[in-house]
Amino acid sequence: MKSALSQAVNWLGSFGDGRAAKDEAGAAQGAPPPAAARRRLEDEAPPAPPPVADPPGVWTPARMRFNALLWGEGFTGPGGEEEALRLAKPLGLQSSHSLLHIGAGLGGTARAVTTASGAWVSAYEQNPDLAAAGEAISKKAKLEKKAEVKPFDAAKPMFRPNYYHHALVQEALWSVADKDAMVAALVRAVKQAGQVVITDLTVGDQPLEPDDPSLLAWSRLDRSPAYLIGAKEETVLLARHGLDIRIAEEISARHVSQAVAGWRAVLEIIHEQKPSLQQATTIVQEAELWLRRLALIRKGRLKLMRWHAIRR
């Protein structure tokens, strides 16, 4: 994974330097200057503005477009539609079911699930830019009623109580300070005996301090700040709020493998269709995020967990 992403960073970071080097070499050998240099000064076009880096952690339209290329239309993480349906499969969803989905991103999971099962999905996303874009995609696909995407305030989570047959939560807890309030709202929203599938990043088996520079550098690009707890601690938290935990498993290896696959596919595309300097800047930023996230996982400081539980 490191070599694939490093290749992207190195290649994209030097994008455009090759042409400049050739021009310098030609000038040194007495070759005539490029045509642009022979224009009269008043005819020259103004130089293109330098590429502007996206603000760290902000979901700009450029970043959303690149993630669609990386993970699939409407997705913001490894595995795309395949992983979404895999996570939802244990829920046994049918057209008569309602599903609460927290951590909707751009709504790709909600649309994939309703298309595959016919279930009615209410998808909630903490980031307002992602939520607005996700709802627009659902409307364009004429799925705004069956796969609605809404913003919500993680500090004051409110979902319709005792309404949903099942719930799917994707990485929506590690960036929330008050996890008790969040889990309580989740459990209240699900009918008794409803099934709940949760994925979340937790502290790994190796020590990780809150002020660890590698952690801060990653969360600044991903979601900052990160309120990480251990996997056992999160399992206890879920059980305390009325979830009967049936499965608690680490899925880090699958997550890393899916990330590798996504980046390898993108590298093939950008080698064939060279991006602009602005596009390259966006890609390098996203590559840095994933280099840092996967390095923390590889070193055992972070892990991705999956829980399957029944609402008591």
C-alpha atoms as a PDB file:
ATOM      1  CA  MET A   1       0.000   0.000   0.000  1.00  0.00           C
ATOM      2  CA  LYS A   2       2.799   2.379   0.915  1.00  0.00           C
ATOM      3  CA  SER A   3       4.523   1.898  -2.442  1.00  0.00           C
ATOM      4  CA  ALA A   4       1.297   2.446  -4.401  1.00  0.00           C
ATOM      5  CA  LEU A   5       0.371   5.652  -2.593  1.00  0.00           C
ATOM      6  CA  SER A   6       3.971   6.888  -2.489  1.00  0.00           C
ATOM      7  CA  GLN A   7       4.077   6.382  -6.233  1.00  0.00           C
ATOM      8  CA  ALA A   8       0.991   8.578  -6.575  1.00  0.00           C
ATOM      9  CA  VAL A   9       2.436  11.297  -4.350  1.00  0.00           C
ATOM     10  CA  ASN A  10       5.849  11.273  -6.037  1.00  0.00           C
ATOM     11  CA  TRP A  11       4.500  11.159  -9.574  1.00  0.00           C
ATOM     12  CA  LEU A  12       1.795  13.759  -9.046  1.00  0.00           C
ATOM     13  CA  GLY A  13       4.023  15.957  -6.934  1.00  0.00           C
ATOM     14  CA  SER A  14       6.461  16.259  -9.827  1.00  0.00           C
ATOM     15  CA  PHE A  15       3.706  16.596 -12.431  1.00  0.00           C
ATOM     16  CA  GLY A  16       4.668  19.234 -14.943  1.00  0.00           C
ATOM     17  CA  ASP A  17       8.354  19.320 -13.928  1.00  0.00           C
ATOM     18  CA  GLY A  18       9.436  17.137 -16.826  1.00  0.00           C
ATOM     19  CA  ARG A  19       8.447  19.660 -19.471  1.00  0.00           C
ATOM     20  CA  ALA A  20      10.277  22.448 -17.650  1.00  0.00           C
ATOM     21  CA  ALA A  21      13.401  20.313 -17.403  1.00  0.00           C
ATOM     22  CA  LYS A  22      13.305  19.597 -21.154  1.00  0.00           C
ATOM     23  CA  ASP A  23      12.930  23.294 -21.952  1.00  0.00           C
ATOM     24  CA  GLU A  24      15.917  24.137 -19.747  1.00  0.00           C
ATOM     25  CA  ALA A  25      18.014  21.431 -21.371  1.00  0.00           C
ATOM     26  CA  GLY A  26      17.111  22.639 -24.847  1.00  0.00           C
ATOM     27  CA  ALA A  27      18.020  26.217 -23.996  1.00  0.00           C
ATOM     28  CA  ALA A  28      21.366  25.101 -22.615  1.00  0.00           C
ATOM     29  CA  GLN A  29      22.149  23.337 -25.924  1.00  0.00           C
ATOM     30  CA  GLY A  30      21.336  26.396 -28.007  1.00  0.00           C
ATOM     31  CA  ALA A  31      17.966  25.109 -29.186  1.00  0.00           C
ATOM     32  CA  PRO A  32      15.388  27.730 -30.197  1.00  0.00           C
ATOM     33  CA  PRO A  33      13.022  28.747 -27.381  1.00  0.00           C
ATOM     34  CA  PRO A  34       9.503  27.311 -27.310  1.00  0.00           C
ATOM     35  CA  ALA A  35       6.882  29.031 -29.468  1.00  0.00           C
ATOM     36  CA  ALA A  36       5.290  30.666 -26.442  1.00  0.00           C
ATOM     37  CA  ALA A  37       8.592  32.356 -25.614  1.00  0.00           C
ATOM     38  CA  ARG A  38       8.821  33.867 -29.121  1.00  0.00           C
ATOM     39  CA  ARG A  39       5.510  35.722 -28.808  1.00  0.00           C
ATOM     40  CA  ARG A  40       5.512  39.417 -28.334  1.00  0.00           C
ATOM     41  CA  LEU A  41       5.106  40.356 -24.699  1.00  0.00           C
ATOM     42  CA  GLU A  42       1.696  41.967 -25.244  1.00  0.00           C
ATOM     43  CA  ASP A  43       0.404  38.771 -26.907  1.00  0.00           C
ATOM     44  CA  GLU A  44       1.343  36.450 -24.082  1.00  0.00           C
ATOM     45  CA  ALA A  45      -1.476  34.928 -22.069  1.00  0.00           C
ATOM     46  CA  PRO A  46      -1.331  35.546 -18.317  1.00  0.00           C
ATOM     47  CA  PRO A  47       0.239  32.650 -16.409  1.00  0.00           C
ATOM     48  CA  ALA A  48      -2.167  30.137 -14.904  1.00  0.00           C
ATOM     49  CA  PRO A  49      -2.711  30.668 -11.180  1.00  0.00           C
ATOM     50  CA  PRO A  50      -0.875  28.169  -8.959  1.00  0.00           C
ATOM     51  CA  PRO A  51      -2.965  25.226  -7.729  1.00  0.00           C
ATOM     52  CA  VAL A  52      -4.725  25.819  -4.421  1.00  0.00           C
ATOM     53  CA  ALA A  53      -4.793  23.048  -1.849  1.00  0.00           C
ATOM     54  CA  ASP A  54      -8.180  22.092  -0.443  1.00  0.00           C
ATOM     55  CA  PRO A  55      -8.638  23.047   3.227  1.00  0.00           C
ATOM     56  CA  PRO A  56      -7.748  19.974   5.328  1.00  0.00           C
ATOM     57  CA  GLY A  57     -10.752  17.803   6.091  1.00  0.00           C
ATOM     58  CA  VAL A  58     -13.142  19.890   3.970  1.00  0.00           C
ATOM     59  CA  TRP A  59     -15.275  18.143   1.359  1.00  0.00           C
ATOM     60  CA  THR A  60     -14.889  20.354  -1.691  1.00  0.00           C
ATOM     61  CA  PRO A  61     -16.570  19.442  -5.011  1.00  0.00           C
ATOM     62  CA  ALA A  62     -13.140  18.463  -6.368  1.00  0.00           C
ATOM     63  CA  ARG A  63     -12.577  16.055  -3.490  1.00  0.00           C
ATOM     64  CA  MET A  64     -16.043  14.536  -3.927  1.00  0.00           C
ATOM     65  CA  ARG A  65     -15.391  13.977  -7.642  1.00  0.00           C
ATOM     66  CA  PHE A  66     -12.080  12.286  -6.937  1.00  0.00           C
ATOM     67  CA  ASN A  67     -13.610  10.019  -4.282  1.00  0.00           C
ATOM     68  CA  ALA A  68     -16.207   8.929  -6.830  1.00  0.00           C
ATOM     69  CA  LEU A  69     -13.331   7.879  -9.070  1.00  0.00           C
ATOM     70  CA  LEU A  70     -11.531   6.210  -6.180  1.00  0.00           C
ATOM     71  CA  TRP A  71     -14.354   4.312  -4.469  1.00  0.00           C
ATOM     72  CA  GLY A  72     -17.353   4.538  -6.800  1.00  0.00           C
ATOM     73  CA  GLU A  73     -20.091   7.102  -7.416  1.00  0.00           C
ATOM     74  CA  GLY A  74     -21.564   8.297  -4.120  1.00  0.00           C
ATOM     75  CA  PHE A  75     -18.983   6.622  -1.853  1.00  0.00           C
ATOM     76  CA  THR A  76     -16.299   8.098   0.378  1.00  0.00           C
ATOM     77  CA  GLY A  77     -14.439   5.009   1.561  1.00  0.00           C
ATOM     78  CA  PRO A  78     -12.893   1.689   0.490  1.00  0.00           C
ATOM     79  CA  GLY A  79     -15.066  -1.077  -0.875  1.00  0.00           C
ATOM     80  CA  GLY A  80     -17.770   1.143  -2.314  1.00  0.00           C
ATOM     81  CA  GLU A  81     -21.013  -0.603  -3.194  1.00  0.00           C
ATOM     82  CA  GLU A  82     -19.646  -4.106  -2.604  1.00  0.00           C
ATOM     83  CA  GLU A  83     -18.708  -3.313   0.996  1.00  0.00           C
ATOM     84  CA  ALA A  84     -22.001  -1.495   1.604  1.00  0.00           C
ATOM     85  CA  LEU A  85     -24.051  -4.516   0.562  1.00  0.00           C
ATOM     86  CA  ARG A  86     -21.774  -6.854   2.483  1.00  0.00           C
ATOM     87  CA  LEU A  87     -22.335  -4.906   5.696  1.00  0.00           C
ATOM     88  CA  ALA A  88     -26.098  -4.751   5.120  1.00  0.00           C
ATOM     89  CA  LYS A  89     -26.506  -8.442   4.223  1.00  0.00           C
ATOM     90  CA  PRO A  90     -26.900  -9.750   7.830  1.00  0.00           C
ATOM     91  CA  LEU A  91     -29.848  -7.389   8.319  1.00  0.00           C
ATOM     92  CA  GLY A  92     -31.988  -9.376   5.875  1.00  0.00           C
ATOM     93  CA  LEU A  93     -33.588  -6.238   4.489  1.00  0.00           C
ATOM     94  CA  GLN A  94     -36.856  -6.381   2.548  1.00  0.00           C
ATOM     95  CA  SER A  95     -39.096  -3.851   0.829  1.00  0.00           C
ATOM     96  CA  SER A  96     -41.253  -3.581   3.959  1.00  0.00           C
ATOM     97  CA  HIS A  97     -38.312  -2.643   6.162  1.00  0.00           C
ATOM     98  CA  SER A  98     -37.016   0.760   7.226  1.00  0.00           C
ATOM     99  CA  LEU A  99     -33.304   1.258   7.817  1.00  0.00           C
ATOM    100  CA  LEU A 100     -31.558   3.957   9.840  1.00  0.00           C
ATOM    101  CA  HIS A 101     -28.175   4.656   8.288  1.00  0.00           C
ATOM    102  CA  ILE A 102     -25.738   6.873  10.198  1.00  0.00           C
ATOM    103  CA  GLY A 103     -22.534   7.962   8.508  1.00  0.00           C
ATOM    104  CA  ALA A 104     -24.130   8.344   5.099  1.00  0.00           C
ATOM    105  CA  GLY A 105     -21.345  10.220   3.341  1.00  0.00           C
ATOM    106  CA  LEU A 106     -22.628  10.950  -0.161  1.00  0.00           C
ATOM    107  CA  GLY A 107     -25.473   8.442   0.210  1.00  0.00           C
ATOM    108  CA  GLY A 108     -23.940   5.668  -1.875  1.00  0.00           C
ATOM    109  CA  THR A 109     -24.716   3.015   0.710  1.00  0.00           C
ATOM    110  CA  ALA A 110     -28.339   4.146   1.078  1.00  0.00           C
ATOM    111  CA  ARG A 111     -28.938   4.021  -2.689  1.00  0.00           C
ATOM    112  CA  ALA A 112     -27.188   0.670  -3.086  1.00  0.00           C
ATOM    113  CA  VAL A 113     -29.194  -0.878  -0.251  1.00  0.00           C
ATOM    114  CA  THR A 114     -32.587   0.361  -1.412  1.00  0.00           C
ATOM    115  CA  THR A 115     -31.852  -0.657  -5.001  1.00  0.00           C
ATOM    116  CA  ALA A 116     -30.840  -4.165  -3.920  1.00  0.00           C
ATOM    117  CA  SER A 117     -33.523  -4.807  -1.266  1.00  0.00           C
ATOM    118  CA  GLY A 118     -36.299  -2.251  -1.738  1.00  0.00           C
ATOM    119  CA  ALA A 119     -35.922  -1.137   1.894  1.00  0.00           C
ATOM    120  CA  TRP A 120     -36.664   2.452   2.869  1.00  0.00           C
ATOM    121  CA  VAL A 121     -33.452   4.100   4.028  1.00  0.00           C
ATOM    122  CA  SER A 122     -33.119   7.261   6.109  1.00  0.00           C
ATOM    123  CA  ALA A 123     -29.455   8.219   5.848  1.00  0.00           C
ATOM    124  CA  TYR A 124     -27.891  10.786   8.174  1.00  0.00           C
ATOM    125  CA  GLU A 125     -24.559  12.537   7.647  1.00  0.00           C
ATOM    126  CA  GLN A 126     -22.722  14.804  10.076  1.00  0.00           C
ATOM    127  CA  ASN A 127     -20.934  16.815   7.372  1.00  0.00           C
ATOM    128  CA  PRO A 128     -23.450  19.260   5.836  1.00  0.00           C
ATOM    129  CA  ASP A 129     -21.606  19.515   2.502  1.00  0.00           C
ATOM    130  CA  LEU A 130     -21.645  15.745   2.042  1.00  0.00           C
ATOM    131  CA  ALA A 131     -25.294  15.556   3.108  1.00  0.00           C
ATOM    132  CA  ALA A 132     -26.376  18.240   0.623  1.00  0.00           C
ATOM    133  CA  ALA A 133     -24.451  16.636  -2.224  1.00  0.00           C
ATOM    134  CA  GLY A 134     -25.747  13.174  -1.292  1.00  0.00           C
ATOM    135  CA  GLU A 135     -29.354  14.350  -1.302  1.00  0.00           C
ATOM    136  CA  ALA A 136     -28.819  15.952  -4.712  1.00  0.00           C
ATOM    137  CA  ILE A 137     -27.495  12.648  -6.080  1.00  0.00           C
ATOM    138  CA  SER A 138     -30.508  10.780  -4.655  1.00  0.00           C
ATOM    139  CA  LYS A 139     -32.871  13.282  -6.296  1.00  0.00           C
ATOM    140  CA  LYS A 140     -31.088  12.905  -9.610  1.00  0.00           C
ATOM    141  CA  ALA A 141     -31.493   9.132  -9.317  1.00  0.00           C
ATOM    142  CA  LYS A 142     -35.178   9.621  -8.334  1.00  0.00           C
ATOM    143  CA  LEU A 143     -34.471   7.929  -4.994  1.00  0.00           C
ATOM    144  CA  GLU A 144     -34.967  10.912  -2.704  1.00  0.00           C
ATOM    145  CA  LYS A 145     -37.880   9.172  -0.930  1.00  0.00           C
ATOM    146  CA  LYS A 146     -36.395   5.693  -0.563  1.00  0.00           C
ATOM    147  CA  ALA A 147     -32.789   6.810   0.021  1.00  0.00           C
ATOM    148  CA  GLU A 148     -33.058  10.239   1.603  1.00  0.00           C
ATOM    149  CA  VAL A 149     -29.858  11.859   2.894  1.00  0.00           C
ATOM    150  CA  LYS A 150     -30.123  14.360   5.742  1.00  0.00           C
ATOM    151  CA  PRO A 151     -27.646  16.320   7.866  1.00  0.00           C
ATOM    152  CA  PHE A 152     -27.662  15.874  11.627  1.00  0.00           C
ATOM    153  CA  ASP A 153     -25.942  17.371  14.650  1.00  0.00           C
ATOM    154  CA  ALA A 154     -23.778  14.726  16.317  1.00  0.00           C
ATOM    155  CA  ALA A 155     -23.689  16.832  19.483  1.00  0.00           C
ATOM    156  CA  LYS A 156     -27.492  16.617  19.711  1.00  0.00           C
ATOM    157  CA  PRO A 157     -28.488  13.484  17.798  1.00  0.00           C
ATOM    158  CA  MET A 158     -32.230  13.072  17.315  1.00  0.00           C
ATOM    159  CA  PHE A 159     -33.712  10.215  15.304  1.00  0.00           C
ATOM    160  CA  ARG A 160     -37.337   9.142  15.173  1.00  0.00           C
ATOM    161  CA  PRO A 161     -37.807   6.882  18.247  1.00  0.00           C
ATOM    162  CA  ASN A 162     -38.837   3.227  17.977  1.00  0.00           C
ATOM    163  CA  TYR A 163     -39.348   3.561  14.233  1.00  0.00           C
ATOM    164  CA  TYR A 164     -36.656   1.704  12.293  1.00  0.00           C
ATOM    165  CA  HIS A 165     -36.557  -2.036  11.804  1.00  0.00           C
ATOM    166  CA  HIS A 166     -32.742  -2.084  11.620  1.00  0.00           C
ATOM    167  CA  ALA A 167     -29.723   0.224  11.626  1.00  0.00           C
ATOM    168  CA  LEU A 168     -26.367   0.474   9.888  1.00  0.00           C
ATOM    169  CA  VAL A 169     -23.691   2.789  11.285  1.00  0.00           C
ATOM    170  CA  GLN A 170     -20.524   3.393   9.279  1.00  0.00           C
ATOM    171  CA  GLU A 171     -17.589   5.068  11.033  1.00  0.00           C
ATOM    172  CA  ALA A 172     -19.879   7.600  12.690  1.00  0.00           C
ATOM    173  CA  LEU A 173     -18.690   7.267  16.290  1.00  0.00           C
ATOM    174  CA  TRP A 174     -14.933   7.853  16.371  1.00  0.00           C
ATOM    175  CA  SER A 175     -15.308  11.562  15.583  1.00  0.00           C
ATOM    176  CA  VAL A 176     -18.050  12.108  18.213  1.00  0.00           C
ATOM    177  CA  ALA A 177     -17.097  13.355  21.667  1.00  0.00           C
ATOM    178  CA  ASP A 178     -20.305  12.330  23.475  1.00  0.00           C
ATOM    179  CA  LYS A 179     -20.587   8.712  22.391  1.00  0.00           C
ATOM    180  CA  ASP A 180     -23.129   7.919  25.104  1.00  0.00           C
ATOM    181  CA  ALA A 181     -25.629  10.408  23.673  1.00  0.00           C
ATOM    182  CA  MET A 182     -25.027   9.170  20.147  1.00  0.00           C
ATOM    183  CA  VAL A 183     -25.460   5.481  20.966  1.00  0.00           C
ATOM    184  CA  ALA A 184     -28.502   6.204  23.145  1.00  0.00           C
ATOM    185  CA  ALA A 185     -30.191   8.036  20.258  1.00  0.00           C
ATOM    186  CA  LEU A 186     -29.339   5.172  17.902  1.00  0.00           C
ATOM    187  CA  VAL A 187     -30.767   2.498  20.195  1.00  0.00           C
ATOM    188  CA  ARG A 188     -33.954   4.506  20.903  1.00  0.00           C
ATOM    189  CA  ALA A 189     -34.599   4.771  17.172  1.00  0.00           C
ATOM    190  CA  VAL A 190     -34.529   1.001  16.520  1.00  0.00           C
ATOM    191  CA  LYS A 191     -37.471  -1.282  17.261  1.00  0.00           C
ATOM    192  CA  GLN A 192     -37.035  -4.005  19.868  1.00  0.00           C
ATOM    193  CA  ALA A 193     -35.273  -7.062  18.395  1.00  0.00           C
ATOM    194  CA  GLY A 194     -34.063  -4.940  15.492  1.00  0.00           C
ATOM    195  CA  GLN A 195     -30.574  -5.665  14.205  1.00  0.00           C
ATOM    196  CA  VAL A 196     -27.723  -3.163  14.266  1.00  0.00           C
ATOM    197  CA  VAL A 197     -24.454  -3.320  12.318  1.00  0.00           C
ATOM    198  CA  ILE A 198     -21.724  -0.858  13.280  1.00  0.00           C
ATOM    199  CA  THR A 199     -18.254  -0.176  11.906  1.00  0.00           C
ATOM    200  CA  ASP A 200     -15.871   2.181  13.641  1.00  0.00           C
ATOM    201  CA  LEU A 201     -12.217   3.086  14.035  1.00  0.00           C
ATOM    202  CA  THR A 202     -10.839   2.370  17.495  1.00  0.00           C
ATOM    203  CA  VAL A 203      -7.492   2.496  19.251  1.00  0.00           C
ATOM    204  CA  GLY A 204      -5.411  -0.490  18.187  1.00  0.00           C
ATOM    205  CA  ASP A 205      -3.393  -2.927  20.256  1.00  0.00           C
ATOM    206  CA  GLN A 206      -0.381  -0.589  20.427  1.00  0.00           C
ATOM    207  CA  PRO A 207      -0.390   2.489  22.699  1.00  0.00           C
ATOM    208  CA  LEU A 208      -1.717   5.668  21.107  1.00  0.00           C
ATOM    209  CA  GLU A 209      -1.562   9.005  22.888  1.00  0.00           C
ATOM    210  CA  PRO A 210      -4.110  11.743  22.009  1.00  0.00           C
ATOM    211  CA  ASP A 211      -1.273  14.131  21.160  1.00  0.00           C
ATOM    212  CA  ASP A 212       0.644  11.618  19.006  1.00  0.00           C
ATOM    213  CA  PRO A 213       1.938  13.618  15.999  1.00  0.00           C
ATOM    214  CA  SER A 214       1.058  10.851  13.533  1.00  0.00           C
ATOM    215  CA  LEU A 215      -2.493  10.702  14.884  1.00  0.00           C
ATOM    216  CA  LEU A 216      -2.924  14.469  14.712  1.00  0.00           C
ATOM    217  CA  ALA A 217      -1.518  14.632  11.185  1.00  0.00           C
ATOM    218  CA  TRP A 218      -3.968  11.963   9.998  1.00  0.00           C
ATOM    219  CA  SER A 219      -7.090  13.288  11.773  1.00  0.00           C
ATOM    220  CA  ARG A 220      -6.395  16.805  10.498  1.00  0.00           C
ATOM    221  CA  LEU A 221      -6.843  15.491   6.961  1.00  0.00           C
ATOM    222  CA  ASP A 222      -9.674  13.074   7.750  1.00  0.00           C
ATOM    223  CA  ARG A 223     -11.964  14.280  10.536  1.00  0.00           C
ATOM    224  CA  SER A 224     -10.607  16.401  13.331  1.00  0.00           C
ATOM    225  CA  PRO A 225     -10.571  16.021  16.232  1.00  0.00           C
ATOM    226  CA  ALA A 226     -10.641  12.253  16.714  1.00  0.00           C
ATOM    227  CA  TYR A 227     -12.242  10.918  19.902  1.00  0.00           C
ATOM    228  CA  LEU A 228     -10.930   7.373  19.766  1.00  0.00           C
ATOM    229  CA  ILE A 229     -11.497   4.691  22.383  1.00  0.00           C
ATOM    230  CA  GLY A 230     -10.493   1.038  22.568  1.00  0.00           C
ATOM    231  CA  ALA A 231     -12.481  -1.746  20.908  1.00  0.00           C
ATOM    232  CA  LYS A 232     -13.327  -3.400  24.239  1.00  0.00           C
ATOM    233  CA  GLU A 233     -14.395  -0.071  25.685  1.00  0.00           C
ATOM    234  CA  GLU A 234     -16.683   0.552  22.722  1.00  0.00           C
ATOM    235  CA  THR A 235     -18.165  -2.935  23.017  1.00  0.00           C
ATOM    236  CA  VAL A 236     -19.003  -2.248  26.661  1.00  0.00           C
ATOM    237  CA  LEU A 237     -20.503   1.116  25.684  1.00  0.00           C
ATOM    238  CA  LEU A 238     -22.794  -0.480  23.095  1.00  0.00           C
ATOM    239  CA  ALA A 239     -23.923  -3.192  25.511  1.00  0.00           C
ATOM    240  CA  ARG A 240     -24.606  -0.659  28.258  1.00  0.00           C
ATOM    241  CA  HIS A 241     -27.127   1.088  26.037  1.00  0.00           C
ATOM    242  CA  GLY A 242     -29.158  -2.026  25.289  1.00  0.00           C
ATOM    243  CA  LEU A 243     -27.413  -3.772  22.404  1.00  0.00           C
ATOM    244  CA  ASP A 244     -26.912  -7.523  22.660  1.00  0.00           C
ATOM    245  CA  ILE A 245     -23.530  -7.942  20.959  1.00  0.00           C
ATOM    246  CA  ARG A 246     -23.429 -11.082  18.799  1.00  0.00           C
ATOM    247  CA  ILE A 247     -20.265 -10.331  16.810  1.00  0.00           C
ATOM    248  CA  ALA A 248     -17.331  -8.021  17.512  1.00  0.00           C
ATOM    249  CA  GLU A 249     -14.594  -8.490  14.954  1.00  0.00           C
ATOM    250  CA  GLU A 250     -11.677  -6.595  13.478  1.00  0.00           C
ATOM    251  CA  ILE A 251     -11.949  -5.928   9.730  1.00  0.00           C
ATOM    252  CA  SER A 252      -8.761  -3.879   9.300  1.00  0.00           C
ATOM    253  CA  ALA A 253      -7.215  -6.310   6.811  1.00  0.00           C
ATOM    254  CA  ARG A 254     -10.239  -6.102   4.525  1.00  0.00           C
ATOM    255  CA  HIS A 255     -10.260  -2.315   4.813  1.00  0.00           C
ATOM    256  CA  VAL A 256      -6.595  -2.075   3.826  1.00  0.00           C
ATOM    257  CA  SER A 257      -7.049  -4.502   0.936  1.00  0.00           C
ATOM    258  CA  GLN A 258      -9.971  -2.498  -0.423  1.00  0.00           C
ATOM    259  CA  ALA A 259      -8.005   0.737  -0.114  1.00  0.00           C
ATOM    260  CA  VAL A 260      -5.090  -0.817  -2.033  1.00  0.00           C
ATOM    261  CA  ALA A 261      -7.436  -1.944  -4.804  1.00  0.00           C
ATOM    262  CA  GLY A 262      -8.987   1.506  -5.117  1.00  0.00           C
ATOM    263  CA  TRP A 263      -5.670   3.313  -5.346  1.00  0.00           C
ATOM    264  CA  ARG A 264      -4.177   0.843  -7.804  1.00  0.00           C
ATOM    265  CA  ALA A 265      -7.131   1.361 -10.134  1.00  0.00           C
ATOM    266  CA  VAL A 266      -6.837   5.143  -9.850  1.00  0.00           C
ATOM    267  CA  LEU A 267      -3.098   5.061 -10.538  1.00  0.00           C
ATOM    268  CA  GLU A 268      -3.768   3.320 -13.838  1.00  0.00           C
ATOM    269  CA  ILE A 269      -6.269   6.020 -14.782  1.00  0.00           C
ATOM    270  CA  ILE A 270      -4.065   8.988 -13.886  1.00  0.00           C
ATOM    271  CA  HIS A 271      -1.100   7.514 -15.733  1.00  0.00           C
ATOM    272  CA  GLU A 272      -3.227   7.300 -18.879  1.00  0.00           C
ATOM    273  CA  GLN A 273      -5.098  10.587 -18.387  1.00  0.00           C
ATOM    274  CA  LYS A 274      -2.710  13.039 -16.798  1.00  0.00           C
ATOM    275  CA  PRO A 275      -4.531  15.351 -14.365  1.00  0.00           C
ATOM    276  CA  SER A 276      -4.200  19.100 -14.284  1.00  0.00           C
ATOM    277  CA  LEU A 277      -2.042  20.659 -11.583  1.00  0.00           C
ATOM    278  CA  GLN A 278      -5.168  21.509  -9.576  1.00  0.00           C
ATOM    279  CA  GLN A 279      -6.466  17.949  -9.877  1.00  0.00           C
ATOM    280  CA  ALA A 280      -3.039  16.617  -8.922  1.00  0.00           C
ATOM    281  CA  THR A 281      -3.068  18.752  -5.781  1.00  0.00           C
ATOM    282  CA  THR A 282      -6.407  17.261  -4.700  1.00  0.00           C
ATOM    283  CA  ILE A 283      -5.186  13.737  -5.421  1.00  0.00           C
ATOM    284  CA  VAL A 284      -1.956  14.189  -3.470  1.00  0.00           C
ATOM    285  CA  GLN A 285      -3.905  15.463  -0.443  1.00  0.00           C
ATOM    286  CA  GLU A 286      -6.184  12.428  -0.513  1.00  0.00           C
ATOM    287  CA  ALA A 287      -3.188  10.132  -0.950  1.00  0.00           C
ATOM    288  CA  GLU A 288      -1.528  11.658   2.114  1.00  0.00           C
ATOM    289  CA  LEU A 289      -4.671  11.054   4.170  1.00  0.00           C
ATOM    290  CA  TRP A 290      -4.713   7.381   3.217  1.00  0.00           C
ATOM    291  CA  LEU A 291      -0.970   6.941   3.656  1.00  0.00           C
ATOM    292  CA  ARG A 292      -1.310   8.241   7.198  1.00  0.00           C
ATOM    293  CA  ARG A 293      -4.474   6.285   8.057  1.00  0.00           C
ATOM    294  CA  LEU A 294      -3.126   2.992   6.768  1.00  0.00           C
ATOM    295  CA  ALA A 295       0.260   3.539   8.410  1.00  0.00           C
ATOM    296  CA  LEU A 296      -1.496   3.856  11.789  1.00  0.00           C
ATOM    297  CA  ILE A 297      -3.438   0.658  11.099  1.00  0.00           C
ATOM    298  CA  ARG A 298      -0.325  -1.189   9.936  1.00  0.00           C
ATOM    299  CA  LYS A 299       1.529  -0.175  13.113  1.00  0.00           C
ATOM    300  CA  GLY A 300      -1.346  -1.447  15.258  1.00  0.00           C
ATOM    301  CA  ARG A 301      -2.303   1.973  16.574  1.00  0.00           C
ATOM    302  CA  LEU A 302      -5.694   2.023  14.854  1.00  0.00           C
ATOM    303  CA  LYS A 303      -8.071  -0.786  13.937  1.00  0.00           C
ATOM    304  CA  LEU A 304     -11.386  -0.944  12.118  1.00  0.00           C
ATOM    305  CA  MET A 305     -14.033  -2.926  13.974  1.00  0.00           C
ATOM    306  CA  ARG A 306     -17.431  -4.372  13.037  1.00  0.00           C
ATOM    307  CA  TRP A 307     -20.192  -5.148  15.510  1.00  0.00           C
ATOM    308  CA  HIS A 308     -23.440  -7.045  14.846  1.00  0.00           C
ATOM    309  CA  ALA A 309     -25.978  -6.646  17.625  1.00  0.00           C
ATOM    310  CA  ILE A 310     -29.645  -7.070  18.498  1.00  0.00           C
ATOM    311  CA  ARG A 311     -31.624  -4.294  20.140  1.00  0.00           C
ATOM    312  CA  ARG A 312     -32.864  -5.581  23.508  1.00  0.00           C
END
